């Protein structure tokens, strides 16, 4: 992201001239460019966050399986929905599929935008 420059503009000397509001200047210029750039980077940001989350869910699922087999220490979640290893493994697979799908979708949309 670029640096912002703040400047103070004097009031116009003629009363009939109205200055452009700061919101209009902001939305017309840099805000649109920043929003477009963030929109292009958003899928990559989500992929960067979803992949480690999938690995953590997989580690939790394997920990729960090994606790059931008495190979590891006590699992911190003893009751409820997330106390089952199947939930953690399924969550891991779902997050990885979502991450891969998002990466493929981003590649397709970039290819289409480059062609246009």
PDB file of N, CA and C in Angstrom:
ATOM      1  N   UNK A   1       0.840  -1.171   0.000  1.00  0.00           N
ATOM      2  CA  UNK A   1       0.000   0.000   0.000  1.00  0.00           C
ATOM      3  C   UNK A   1       0.886   1.235   0.000  1.00  0.00           C
ATOM      4  N   UNK A   2       0.385   2.277  -0.609  1.00  0.00           N
ATOM      5  CA  UNK A   2       1.145   3.507  -0.687  1.00  0.00           C
ATOM      6  C   UNK A   2       0.947   4.385   0.538  1.00  0.00           C
ATOM      7  N   UNK A   3       1.772   5.388   0.604  1.00  0.00           N
ATOM      8  CA  UNK A   3       1.671   6.336   1.711  1.00  0.00           C
ATOM      9  C   UNK A   3       0.595   7.375   1.375  1.00  0.00           C
ATOM     10  N   UNK A   4       0.001   7.916   2.400  1.00  0.00           N
ATOM     11  CA  UNK A   4      -1.015   8.937   2.220  1.00  0.00           C
ATOM     12  C   UNK A   4      -0.400  10.305   2.469  1.00  0.00           C
ATOM     13  N   UNK A   5      -0.855  11.284   1.694  1.00  0.00           N
ATOM     14  CA  UNK A   5      -0.373  12.642   1.859  1.00  0.00           C
ATOM     15  C   UNK A   5      -1.550  13.499   2.293  1.00  0.00           C
ATOM     16  N   UNK A   6      -1.364  14.241   3.350  1.00  0.00           N
ATOM     17  CA  UNK A   6      -2.419  15.100   3.871  1.00  0.00           C
ATOM     18  C   UNK A   6      -2.049  16.540   3.550  1.00  0.00           C
ATOM     19  N   UNK A   7      -2.974  17.247   2.931  1.00  0.00           N
ATOM     20  CA  UNK A   7      -2.741  18.647   2.599  1.00  0.00           C
ATOM     21  C   UNK A   7      -3.958  19.454   3.028  1.00  0.00           C
ATOM     22  N   UNK A   8      -3.703  20.663   3.475  1.00  0.00           N
ATOM     23  CA  UNK A   8      -4.780  21.564   3.890  1.00  0.00           C
ATOM     24  C   UNK A   8      -5.047  22.514   2.729  1.00  0.00           C
ATOM     25  N   UNK A   9      -6.284  22.521   2.279  1.00  0.00           N
ATOM     26  CA  UNK A   9      -6.649  23.420   1.184  1.00  0.00           C
ATOM     27  C   UNK A   9      -7.413  24.607   1.750  1.00  0.00           C
ATOM     28  N   UNK A  10      -7.067  25.804   1.312  1.00  0.00           N
ATOM     29  CA  UNK A  10      -7.786  26.989   1.816  1.00  0.00           C
ATOM     30  C   UNK A  10      -9.184  27.061   1.226  1.00  0.00           C
ATOM     31  N   UNK A  11     -10.048  27.754   1.925  1.00  0.00           N
ATOM     32  CA  UNK A  11     -11.416  27.972   1.447  1.00  0.00           C
ATOM     33  C   UNK A  11     -11.385  28.850   0.206  1.00  0.00           C
ATOM     34  N   UNK A  12     -12.289  28.618  -0.727  1.00  0.00           N
ATOM     35  CA  UNK A  12     -12.322  29.468  -1.914  1.00  0.00           C
ATOM     36  C   UNK A  12     -12.735  30.899  -1.545  1.00  0.00           C
ATOM     37  N   UNK A  13     -12.184  31.849  -2.275  1.00  0.00           N
ATOM     38  CA  UNK A  13     -12.476  33.260  -2.000  1.00  0.00           C
ATOM     39  C   UNK A  13     -13.867  33.647  -2.469  1.00  0.00           C
ATOM     40  N   UNK A  14     -14.374  32.982  -3.481  1.00  0.00           N
ATOM     41  CA  UNK A  14     -15.690  33.286  -4.020  1.00  0.00           C
ATOM     42  C   UNK A  14     -16.699  32.381  -3.327  1.00  0.00           C
ATOM     43  N   UNK A  15     -17.806  32.947  -2.863  1.00  0.00           N
ATOM     44  CA  UNK A  15     -18.788  32.189  -2.107  1.00  0.00           C
ATOM     45  C   UNK A  15     -19.539  31.180  -2.968  1.00  0.00           C
ATOM     46  N   UNK A  16     -19.662  31.425  -4.266  1.00  0.00           N
ATOM     47  CA  UNK A  16     -20.425  30.541  -5.130  1.00  0.00           C
ATOM     48  C   UNK A  16     -19.691  29.218  -5.400  1.00  0.00           C
ATOM     49  N   UNK A  17     -18.403  29.194  -5.244  1.00  0.00           N
ATOM     50  CA  UNK A  17     -17.636  27.981  -5.516  1.00  0.00           C
ATOM     51  C   UNK A  17     -17.669  27.095  -4.270  1.00  0.00           C
ATOM     52  N   UNK A  18     -18.111  25.878  -4.451  1.00  0.00           N
ATOM     53  CA  UNK A  18     -18.184  24.932  -3.341  1.00  0.00           C
ATOM     54  C   UNK A  18     -17.032  23.935  -3.449  1.00  0.00           C
ATOM     55  N   UNK A  19     -16.304  23.730  -2.376  1.00  0.00           N
ATOM     56  CA  UNK A  19     -15.221  22.741  -2.448  1.00  0.00           C
ATOM     57  C   UNK A  19     -15.794  21.327  -2.514  1.00  0.00           C
ATOM     58  N   UNK A  20     -15.055  20.451  -3.146  1.00  0.00           N
ATOM     59  CA  UNK A  20     -15.455  19.051  -3.226  1.00  0.00           C
ATOM     60  C   UNK A  20     -15.242  18.438  -1.850  1.00  0.00           C
ATOM     61  N   UNK A  21     -16.232  17.696  -1.386  1.00  0.00           N
ATOM     62  CA  UNK A  21     -16.091  17.105  -0.058  1.00  0.00           C
ATOM     63  C   UNK A  21     -14.984  16.062  -0.055  1.00  0.00           C
ATOM     64  N   UNK A  22     -14.413  15.840   1.091  1.00  0.00           N
ATOM     65  CA  UNK A  22     -13.312  14.892   1.215  1.00  0.00           C
ATOM     66  C   UNK A  22     -13.757  13.476   0.875  1.00  0.00           C
ATOM     67  N   UNK A  23     -15.011  13.143   1.171  1.00  0.00           N
ATOM     68  CA  UNK A  23     -15.511  11.812   0.862  1.00  0.00           C
ATOM     69  C   UNK A  23     -15.580  11.584  -0.645  1.00  0.00           C
ATOM     70  N   UNK A  24     -16.026  12.600  -1.385  1.00  0.00           N
ATOM     71  CA  UNK A  24     -16.089  12.467  -2.835  1.00  0.00           C
ATOM     72  C   UNK A  24     -14.694  12.344  -3.429  1.00  0.00           C
ATOM     73  N   UNK A  25     -13.740  13.133  -2.919  1.00  0.00           N
ATOM     74  CA  UNK A  25     -12.374  13.027  -3.419  1.00  0.00           C
ATOM     75  C   UNK A  25     -11.805  11.656  -3.100  1.00  0.00           C
ATOM     76  N   UNK A  26     -12.073  11.154  -1.912  1.00  0.00           N
ATOM     77  CA  UNK A  26     -11.532   9.869  -1.486  1.00  0.00           C
ATOM     78  C   UNK A  26     -12.128   8.730  -2.309  1.00  0.00           C
ATOM     79  N   UNK A  27     -13.448   8.736  -2.482  1.00  0.00           N
ATOM     80  CA  UNK A  27     -14.080   7.629  -3.197  1.00  0.00           C
ATOM     81  C   UNK A  27     -13.782   7.680  -4.682  1.00  0.00           C
ATOM     82  N   UNK A  28     -13.546   8.845  -5.224  1.00  0.00           N
ATOM     83  CA  UNK A  28     -13.301   8.939  -6.655  1.00  0.00           C
ATOM     84  C   UNK A  28     -11.887   8.514  -7.015  1.00  0.00           C
ATOM     85  N   UNK A  29     -10.957   8.670  -6.109  1.00  0.00           N
ATOM     86  CA  UNK A  29      -9.569   8.423  -6.454  1.00  0.00           C
ATOM     87  C   UNK A  29      -8.980   7.168  -5.866  1.00  0.00           C
ATOM     88  N   UNK A  30      -8.288   7.338  -4.791  1.00  0.00           N
ATOM     89  CA  UNK A  30      -7.494   6.258  -4.224  1.00  0.00           C
ATOM     90  C   UNK A  30      -8.319   5.133  -3.632  1.00  0.00           C
ATOM     91  N   UNK A  31      -9.478   5.456  -3.077  1.00  0.00           N
ATOM     92  CA  UNK A  31     -10.277   4.412  -2.437  1.00  0.00           C
ATOM     93  C   UNK A  31     -10.657   3.327  -3.434  1.00  0.00           C
ATOM     94  N   UNK A  32     -11.040   3.724  -4.634  1.00  0.00           N
ATOM     95  CA  UNK A  32     -11.411   2.755  -5.656  1.00  0.00           C
ATOM     96  C   UNK A  32     -10.222   1.891  -6.032  1.00  0.00           C
ATOM     97  N   UNK A  33      -9.058   2.499  -6.177  1.00  0.00           N
ATOM     98  CA  UNK A  33      -7.851   1.744  -6.534  1.00  0.00           C
ATOM     99  C   UNK A  33      -7.461   0.784  -5.408  1.00  0.00           C
ATOM    100  N   UNK A  34      -7.564   1.236  -4.171  1.00  0.00           N
ATOM    101  CA  UNK A  34      -7.228   0.377  -3.034  1.00  0.00           C
ATOM    102  C   UNK A  34      -8.227  -0.770  -2.919  1.00  0.00           C
ATOM    103  N   UNK A  35      -9.503  -0.477  -3.122  1.00  0.00           N
ATOM    104  CA  UNK A  35     -10.528  -1.522  -3.041  1.00  0.00           C
ATOM    105  C   UNK A  35     -10.335  -2.553  -4.138  1.00  0.00           C
ATOM    106  N   UNK A  36      -9.992  -2.118  -5.359  1.00  0.00           N
ATOM    107  CA  UNK A  36      -9.758  -3.063  -6.449  1.00  0.00           C
ATOM    108  C   UNK A  36      -8.538  -3.929  -6.167  1.00  0.00           C
ATOM    109  N   UNK A  37      -7.479  -3.336  -5.652  1.00  0.00           N
ATOM    110  CA  UNK A  37      -6.271  -4.098  -5.348  1.00  0.00           C
ATOM    111  C   UNK A  37      -6.528  -5.096  -4.223  1.00  0.00           C
ATOM    112  N   UNK A  38      -7.263  -4.679  -3.209  1.00  0.00           N
ATOM    113  CA  UNK A  38      -7.603  -5.596  -2.122  1.00  0.00           C
ATOM    114  C   UNK A  38      -8.499  -6.718  -2.626  1.00  0.00           C
ATOM    115  N   UNK A  39      -9.420  -6.403  -3.524  1.00  0.00           N
ATOM    116  CA  UNK A  39     -10.287  -7.416  -4.112  1.00  0.00           C
ATOM    117  C   UNK A  39      -9.511  -8.448  -4.902  1.00  0.00           C
ATOM    118  N   UNK A  40      -8.424  -8.034  -5.541  1.00  0.00           N
ATOM    119  CA  UNK A  40      -7.592  -8.986  -6.280  1.00  0.00           C
ATOM    120  C   UNK A  40      -6.764  -9.850  -5.345  1.00  0.00           C
ATOM    121  N   UNK A  41      -6.368  -9.327  -4.211  1.00  0.00           N
ATOM    122  CA  UNK A  41      -5.518 -10.065  -3.282  1.00  0.00           C
ATOM    123  C   UNK A  41      -6.300 -10.887  -2.269  1.00  0.00           C
ATOM    124  N   UNK A  42      -7.590 -10.642  -2.129  1.00  0.00           N
ATOM    125  CA  UNK A  42      -8.393 -11.316  -1.120  1.00  0.00           C
ATOM    126  C   UNK A  42      -8.407 -12.836  -1.248  1.00  0.00           C
ATOM    127  N   UNK A  43      -8.561 -13.407  -2.442  1.00  0.00           N
ATOM    128  CA  UNK A  43      -8.504 -14.875  -2.519  1.00  0.00           C
ATOM    129  C   UNK A  43      -7.168 -15.442  -2.054  1.00  0.00           C
ATOM    130  N   UNK A  44      -6.079 -14.770  -2.379  1.00  0.00           N
ATOM    131  CA  UNK A  44      -4.768 -15.241  -1.938  1.00  0.00           C
ATOM    132  C   UNK A  44      -4.614 -15.137  -0.422  1.00  0.00           C
ATOM    133  N   UNK A  45      -5.201 -14.116   0.168  1.00  0.00           N
ATOM    134  CA  UNK A  45      -5.153 -13.969   1.625  1.00  0.00           C
ATOM    135  C   UNK A  45      -5.929 -15.102   2.284  1.00  0.00           C
ATOM    136  N   UNK A  46      -7.116 -15.416   1.747  1.00  0.00           N
ATOM    137  CA  UNK A  46      -7.907 -16.513   2.307  1.00  0.00           C
ATOM    138  C   UNK A  46      -7.197 -17.853   2.152  1.00  0.00           C
ATOM    139  N   UNK A  47      -6.562 -18.082   1.008  1.00  0.00           N
ATOM    140  CA  UNK A  47      -5.821 -19.330   0.799  1.00  0.00           C
ATOM    141  C   UNK A  47      -4.671 -19.420   1.793  1.00  0.00           C
ATOM    142  N   UNK A  48      -4.000 -18.301   2.027  1.00  0.00           N
ATOM    143  CA  UNK A  48      -2.885 -18.293   2.975  1.00  0.00           C
ATOM    144  C   UNK A  48      -3.354 -18.574   4.400  1.00  0.00           C
ATOM    145  N   UNK A  49      -4.587 -18.259   4.722  1.00  0.00           N
ATOM    146  CA  UNK A  49      -5.113 -18.524   6.065  1.00  0.00           C
ATOM    147  C   UNK A  49      -5.786 -19.886   6.178  1.00  0.00           C
ATOM    148  N   UNK A  50      -6.398 -20.365   5.091  1.00  0.00           N
ATOM    149  CA  UNK A  50      -7.121 -21.631   5.146  1.00  0.00           C
ATOM    150  C   UNK A  50      -6.193 -22.839   5.182  1.00  0.00           C
ATOM    151  N   UNK A  51      -5.057 -22.776   4.515  1.00  0.00           N
ATOM    152  CA  UNK A  51      -4.144 -23.916   4.483  1.00  0.00           C
ATOM    153  C   UNK A  51      -3.577 -24.233   5.866  1.00  0.00           C
ATOM    154  N   UNK A  52      -3.065 -23.259   6.630  1.00  0.00           N
ATOM    155  CA  UNK A  52      -2.624 -23.590   7.991  1.00  0.00           C
ATOM    156  C   UNK A  52      -3.771 -24.028   8.901  1.00  0.00           C
ATOM    157  N   UNK A  53      -4.963 -23.478   8.679  1.00  0.00           N
ATOM    158  CA  UNK A  53      -6.114 -23.902   9.483  1.00  0.00           C
ATOM    159  C   UNK A  53      -6.450 -25.362   9.208  1.00  0.00           C
ATOM    160  N   UNK A  54      -6.311 -25.793   7.954  1.00  0.00           N
ATOM    161  CA  UNK A  54      -6.535 -27.195   7.615  1.00  0.00           C
ATOM    162  C   UNK A  54      -5.496 -28.088   8.283  1.00  0.00           C
ATOM    163  N   UNK A  55      -4.265 -27.637   8.335  1.00  0.00           N
ATOM    164  CA  UNK A  55      -3.216 -28.417   8.999  1.00  0.00           C
ATOM    165  C   UNK A  55      -3.450 -28.526  10.503  1.00  0.00           C
ATOM    166  N   UNK A  56      -3.907 -27.454  11.112  1.00  0.00           N
ATOM    167  CA  UNK A  56      -4.215 -27.489  12.542  1.00  0.00           C
ATOM    168  C   UNK A  56      -5.372 -28.445  12.815  1.00  0.00           C
ATOM    169  N   UNK A  57      -6.402 -28.401  11.975  1.00  0.00           N
ATOM    170  CA  UNK A  57      -7.540 -29.313  12.144  1.00  0.00           C
ATOM    171  C   UNK A  57      -7.096 -30.763  11.965  1.00  0.00           C
ATOM    172  N   UNK A  58      -6.199 -31.013  11.022  1.00  0.00           N
ATOM    173  CA  UNK A  58      -5.681 -32.364  10.829  1.00  0.00           C
ATOM    174  C   UNK A  58      -4.883 -32.814  12.049  1.00  0.00           C
ATOM    175  N   UNK A  59      -4.072 -31.938  12.589  1.00  0.00           N
ATOM    176  CA  UNK A  59      -3.295 -32.276  13.787  1.00  0.00           C
ATOM    177  C   UNK A  59      -4.217 -32.577  14.967  1.00  0.00           C
ATOM    178  N   UNK A  60      -5.276 -31.799  15.102  1.00  0.00           N
ATOM    179  CA  UNK A  60      -6.227 -32.055  16.186  1.00  0.00           C
ATOM    180  C   UNK A  60      -6.925 -33.402  15.994  1.00  0.00           C
ATOM    181  N   UNK A  61      -7.288 -33.720  14.741  1.00  0.00           N
ATOM    182  CA  UNK A  61      -7.925 -35.005  14.461  1.00  0.00           C
ATOM    183  C   UNK A  61      -6.995 -36.177  14.746  1.00  0.00           C
ATOM    184  N   UNK A  62      -5.732 -36.053  14.339  1.00  0.00           N
ATOM    185  CA  UNK A  62      -4.771 -37.120  14.615  1.00  0.00           C
ATOM    186  C   UNK A  62      -4.482 -37.245  16.107  1.00  0.00           C
ATOM    187  N   UNK A  63      -4.475 -36.120  16.810  1.00  0.00           N
ATOM    188  CA  UNK A  63      -4.289 -36.163  18.261  1.00  0.00           C
ATOM    189  C   UNK A  63      -5.444 -36.917  18.915  1.00  0.00           C
ATOM    190  N   UNK A  64      -6.658 -36.623  18.447  1.00  0.00           N
ATOM    191  CA  UNK A  64      -7.829 -37.296  19.024  1.00  0.00           C
ATOM    192  C   UNK A  64      -7.807 -38.798  18.723  1.00  0.00           C
ATOM    193  N   UNK A  65      -7.401 -39.191  17.517  1.00  0.00           N
ATOM    194  CA  UNK A  65      -7.305 -40.609  17.182  1.00  0.00           C
ATOM    195  C   UNK A  65      -6.259 -41.277  18.065  1.00  0.00           C
ATOM    196  N   UNK A  66      -5.098 -40.641  18.203  1.00  0.00           N
ATOM    197  CA  UNK A  66      -4.047 -41.250  19.020  1.00  0.00           C
ATOM    198  C   UNK A  66      -4.398 -41.250  20.504  1.00  0.00           C
ATOM    199  N   UNK A  67      -5.226 -40.336  20.949  1.00  0.00           N
ATOM    200  CA  UNK A  67      -5.688 -40.380  22.344  1.00  0.00           C
ATOM    201  C   UNK A  67      -6.657 -41.540  22.537  1.00  0.00           C
ATOM    202  N   UNK A  68      -7.488 -41.814  21.523  1.00  0.00           N
ATOM    203  CA  UNK A  68      -8.390 -42.961  21.599  1.00  0.00           C
ATOM    204  C   UNK A  68      -7.616 -44.281  21.635  1.00  0.00           C
ATOM    205  N   UNK A  69      -6.471 -44.318  20.966  1.00  0.00           N
ATOM    206  CA  UNK A  69      -5.643 -45.525  20.940  1.00  0.00           C
ATOM    207  C   UNK A  69      -4.634 -45.575  22.086  1.00  0.00           C
ATOM    208  N   UNK A  70      -4.701 -44.613  22.999  1.00  0.00           N
ATOM    209  CA  UNK A  70      -3.780 -44.484  24.143  1.00  0.00           C
ATOM    210  C   UNK A  70      -2.330 -44.309  23.706  1.00  0.00           C
ATOM    211  N   UNK A  71      -2.122 -43.596  22.613  1.00  0.00           N
ATOM    212  CA  UNK A  71      -0.777 -43.282  22.145  1.00  0.00           C
ATOM    213  C   UNK A  71      -0.345 -41.881  22.553  1.00  0.00           C
ATOM    214  N   UNK A  72      -1.275 -41.032  22.935  1.00  0.00           N
ATOM    215  CA  UNK A  72      -0.974 -39.634  23.257  1.00  0.00           C
ATOM    216  C   UNK A  72      -1.662 -39.246  24.553  1.00  0.00           C
ATOM    217  N   UNK A  73      -1.351 -38.035  24.997  1.00  0.00           N
ATOM    218  CA  UNK A  73      -1.955 -37.516  26.213  1.00  0.00           C
ATOM    219  C   UNK A  73      -3.415 -37.167  26.006  1.00  0.00           C
ATOM    220  N   UNK A  74      -3.989 -36.619  27.032  1.00  0.00           N
ATOM    221  CA  UNK A  74      -5.419 -36.294  27.024  1.00  0.00           C
ATOM    222  C   UNK A  74      -5.724 -35.197  26.006  1.00  0.00           C
ATOM    223  N   UNK A  75      -6.807 -35.382  25.284  1.00  0.00           N
ATOM    224  CA  UNK A  75      -7.288 -34.389  24.325  1.00  0.00           C
ATOM    225  C   UNK A  75      -8.024 -33.307  25.099  1.00  0.00           C
ATOM    226  N   UNK A  76      -7.790 -32.030  24.795  1.00  0.00           N
ATOM    227  CA  UNK A  76      -8.376 -30.958  25.618  1.00  0.00           C
ATOM    228  C   UNK A  76      -9.901 -30.849  25.538  1.00  0.00           C
ATOM    229  N   UNK A  77     -10.508 -31.311  24.465  1.00  0.00           N
ATOM    230  CA  UNK A  77     -11.965 -31.214  24.317  1.00  0.00           C
ATOM    231  C   UNK A  77     -12.534 -32.594  24.608  1.00  0.00           C
ATOM    232  N   UNK A  78     -13.196 -32.746  25.755  1.00  0.00           N
ATOM    233  CA  UNK A  78     -13.649 -34.070  26.185  1.00  0.00           C
ATOM    234  C   UNK A  78     -15.102 -34.370  25.840  1.00  0.00           C
ATOM    235  N   UNK A  79     -15.905 -33.353  25.580  1.00  0.00           N
ATOM    236  CA  UNK A  79     -17.310 -33.601  25.248  1.00  0.00           C
ATOM    237  C   UNK A  79     -17.771 -32.585  24.220  1.00  0.00           C
ATOM    238  N   UNK A  80     -18.840 -32.947  23.547  1.00  0.00           N
ATOM    239  CA  UNK A  80     -19.401 -32.048  22.549  1.00  0.00           C
ATOM    240  C   UNK A  80     -19.067 -32.478  21.133  1.00  0.00           C
ATOM    241  N   UNK A  81     -19.452 -31.640  20.205  1.00  0.00           N
ATOM    242  CA  UNK A  81     -19.308 -31.935  18.777  1.00  0.00           C
ATOM    243  C   UNK A  81     -17.849 -32.098  18.372  1.00  0.00           C
ATOM    244  N   UNK A  82     -16.981 -31.228  18.867  1.00  0.00           N
ATOM    245  CA  UNK A  82     -15.582 -31.247  18.478  1.00  0.00           C
ATOM    246  C   UNK A  82     -14.733 -32.230  19.281  1.00  0.00           C
ATOM    247  N   UNK A  83     -15.345 -33.097  20.049  1.00  0.00           N
ATOM    248  CA  UNK A  83     -14.583 -34.106  20.782  1.00  0.00           C
ATOM    249  C   UNK A  83     -14.377 -35.376  19.961  1.00  0.00           C
ATOM    250  N   UNK A  84     -14.875 -35.424  18.737  1.00  0.00           N
ATOM    251  CA  UNK A  84     -14.756 -36.599  17.883  1.00  0.00           C
ATOM    252  C   UNK A  84     -13.697 -36.360  16.817  1.00  0.00           C
ATOM    253  N   UNK A  85     -12.879 -37.392  16.550  1.00  0.00           N
ATOM    254  CA  UNK A  85     -11.817 -37.235  15.565  1.00  0.00           C
ATOM    255  C   UNK A  85     -12.365 -37.099  14.150  1.00  0.00           C
ATOM    256  N   UNK A  86     -13.531 -37.681  13.871  1.00  0.00           N
ATOM    257  CA  UNK A  86     -14.103 -37.598  12.540  1.00  0.00           C
ATOM    258  C   UNK A  86     -14.428 -36.155  12.154  1.00  0.00           C
ATOM    259  N   UNK A  87     -14.868 -35.382  13.125  1.00  0.00           N
ATOM    260  CA  UNK A  87     -15.206 -33.975  12.873  1.00  0.00           C
ATOM    261  C   UNK A  87     -13.953 -33.202  12.481  1.00  0.00           C
ATOM    262  N   UNK A  88     -12.857 -33.442  13.188  1.00  0.00           N
ATOM    263  CA  UNK A  88     -11.618 -32.720  12.918  1.00  0.00           C
ATOM    264  C   UNK A  88     -11.042 -33.091  11.556  1.00  0.00           C
ATOM    265  N   UNK A  89     -11.070 -34.385  11.214  1.00  0.00           N
ATOM    266  CA  UNK A  89     -10.546 -34.814   9.915  1.00  0.00           C
ATOM    267  C   UNK A  89     -11.423 -34.262   8.786  1.00  0.00           C
ATOM    268  N   UNK A  90     -12.740 -34.321   8.958  1.00  0.00           N
ATOM    269  CA  UNK A  90     -13.646 -33.787   7.932  1.00  0.00           C
ATOM    270  C   UNK A  90     -13.464 -32.279   7.779  1.00  0.00           C
ATOM    271  N   UNK A  91     -13.276 -31.577   8.885  1.00  0.00           N
ATOM    272  CA  UNK A  91     -13.033 -30.137   8.828  1.00  0.00           C
ATOM    273  C   UNK A  91     -11.739 -29.837   8.087  1.00  0.00           C
ATOM    274  N   UNK A  92     -10.719 -30.642   8.331  1.00  0.00           N
ATOM    275  CA  UNK A  92      -9.442 -30.462   7.648  1.00  0.00           C
ATOM    276  C   UNK A  92      -9.594 -30.657   6.142  1.00  0.00           C
ATOM    277  N   UNK A  93     -10.284 -31.708   5.749  1.00  0.00           N
ATOM    278  CA  UNK A  93     -10.493 -31.974   4.324  1.00  0.00           C
ATOM    279  C   UNK A  93     -11.325 -30.863   3.691  1.00  0.00           C
ATOM    280  N   UNK A  94     -12.361 -30.424   4.368  1.00  0.00           N
ATOM    281  CA  UNK A  94     -13.223 -29.363   3.831  1.00  0.00           C
ATOM    282  C   UNK A  94     -12.454 -28.053   3.663  1.00  0.00           C
ATOM    283  N   UNK A  95     -11.623 -27.703   4.631  1.00  0.00           N
ATOM    284  CA  UNK A  95     -10.840 -26.470   4.522  1.00  0.00           C
ATOM    285  C   UNK A  95      -9.840 -26.549   3.381  1.00  0.00           C
ATOM    286  N   UNK A  96      -9.225 -27.707   3.193  1.00  0.00           N
ATOM    287  CA  UNK A  96      -8.269 -27.854   2.102  1.00  0.00           C
ATOM    288  C   UNK A  96      -8.965 -27.821   0.746  1.00  0.00           C
ATOM    289  N   UNK A  97     -10.120 -28.440   0.636  1.00  0.00           N
ATOM    290  CA  UNK A  97     -10.885 -28.384  -0.619  1.00  0.00           C
ATOM    291  C   UNK A  97     -11.315 -26.945  -0.909  1.00  0.00           C
ATOM    292  N   UNK A  98     -11.769 -26.234   0.113  1.00  0.00           N
ATOM    293  CA  UNK A  98     -12.150 -24.835  -0.052  1.00  0.00           C
ATOM    294  C   UNK A  98     -10.954 -23.994  -0.491  1.00  0.00           C
ATOM    295  N   UNK A  99      -9.810 -24.238   0.116  1.00  0.00           N
ATOM    296  CA  UNK A  99      -8.599 -23.506  -0.242  1.00  0.00           C
ATOM    297  C   UNK A  99      -8.195 -23.779  -1.687  1.00  0.00           C
ATOM    298  N   UNK A 100      -8.213 -25.039  -2.088  1.00  0.00           N
ATOM    299  CA  UNK A 100      -7.845 -25.398  -3.458  1.00  0.00           C
ATOM    300  C   UNK A 100      -8.847 -24.836  -4.468  1.00  0.00           C
ATOM    301  N   UNK A 101     -10.117 -24.912  -4.137  1.00  0.00           N
ATOM    302  CA  UNK A 101     -11.142 -24.359  -5.023  1.00  0.00           C
ATOM    303  C   UNK A 101     -11.029 -22.859  -5.169  1.00  0.00           C
ATOM    304  N   UNK A 102     -10.724 -22.178  -4.081  1.00  0.00           N
ATOM    305  CA  UNK A 102     -10.564 -20.730  -4.123  1.00  0.00           C
ATOM    306  C   UNK A 102      -9.343 -20.345  -4.956  1.00  0.00           C
ATOM    307  N   UNK A 103      -8.278 -21.114  -4.844  1.00  0.00           N
ATOM    308  CA  UNK A 103      -7.082 -20.857  -5.636  1.00  0.00           C
ATOM    309  C   UNK A 103      -7.350 -21.083  -7.123  1.00  0.00           C
ATOM    310  N   UNK A 104      -8.081 -22.144  -7.455  1.00  0.00           N
ATOM    311  CA  UNK A 104      -8.428 -22.409  -8.853  1.00  0.00           C
ATOM    312  C   UNK A 104      -9.360 -21.338  -9.396  1.00  0.00           C
ATOM    313  N   UNK A 105     -10.331 -20.909  -8.596  1.00  0.00           N
ATOM    314  CA  UNK A 105     -11.252 -19.849  -9.027  1.00  0.00           C
ATOM    315  C   UNK A 105     -10.492 -18.553  -9.285  1.00  0.00           C
ATOM    316  N   UNK A 106      -9.542 -18.226  -8.414  1.00  0.00           N
ATOM    317  CA  UNK A 106      -8.752 -17.018  -8.590  1.00  0.00           C
ATOM    318  C   UNK A 106      -7.930 -17.094  -9.874  1.00  0.00           C
ATOM    319  N   UNK A 107      -7.372 -18.264 -10.166  1.00  0.00           N
ATOM    320  CA  UNK A 107      -6.615 -18.422 -11.401  1.00  0.00           C
ATOM    321  C   UNK A 107      -7.484 -18.248 -12.635  1.00  0.00           C
ATOM    322  N   UNK A 108      -8.709 -18.782 -12.584  1.00  0.00           N
ATOM    323  CA  UNK A 108      -9.618 -18.624 -13.725  1.00  0.00           C
ATOM    324  C   UNK A 108     -10.032 -17.174 -13.913  1.00  0.00           C
ATOM    325  N   UNK A 109     -10.347 -16.481 -12.829  1.00  0.00           N
ATOM    326  CA  UNK A 109     -10.785 -15.093 -12.972  1.00  0.00           C
ATOM    327  C   UNK A 109      -9.639 -14.198 -13.430  1.00  0.00           C
ATOM    328  N   UNK A 110      -8.429 -14.470 -12.995  1.00  0.00           N
ATOM    329  CA  UNK A 110      -7.284 -13.684 -13.477  1.00  0.00           C
ATOM    330  C   UNK A 110      -7.055 -13.927 -14.960  1.00  0.00           C
ATOM    331  N   UNK A 111      -7.221 -15.171 -15.389  1.00  0.00           N
ATOM    332  CA  UNK A 111      -7.037 -15.492 -16.799  1.00  0.00           C
ATOM    333  C   UNK A 111      -8.088 -14.787 -17.651  1.00  0.00           C
ATOM    334  N   UNK A 112      -9.325 -14.765 -17.184  1.00  0.00           N
ATOM    335  CA  UNK A 112     -10.396 -14.085 -17.915  1.00  0.00           C
ATOM    336  C   UNK A 112     -10.157 -12.587 -17.960  1.00  0.00           C
ATOM    337  N   UNK A 113      -9.719 -11.989 -16.835  1.00  0.00           N
ATOM    338  CA  UNK A 113      -9.494 -10.547 -16.813  1.00  0.00           C
ATOM    339  C   UNK A 113      -8.307 -10.156 -17.681  1.00  0.00           C
ATOM    340  N   UNK A 114      -7.302 -11.026 -17.817  1.00  0.00           N
ATOM    341  CA  UNK A 114      -6.176 -10.725 -18.683  1.00  0.00           C
ATOM    342  C   UNK A 114      -6.584 -10.800 -20.152  1.00  0.00           C
ATOM    343  N   UNK A 115      -7.507 -11.689 -20.478  1.00  0.00           N
ATOM    344  CA  UNK A 115      -7.976 -11.797 -21.851  1.00  0.00           C
ATOM    345  C   UNK A 115      -8.822 -10.600 -22.252  1.00  0.00           C
ATOM    346  N   UNK A 116      -9.532 -10.029 -21.293  1.00  0.00           N
ATOM    347  CA  UNK A 116     -10.369  -8.865 -21.589  1.00  0.00           C
ATOM    348  C   UNK A 116      -9.480  -7.650 -21.607  1.00  0.00           C
TER     349      UNK A 116
END
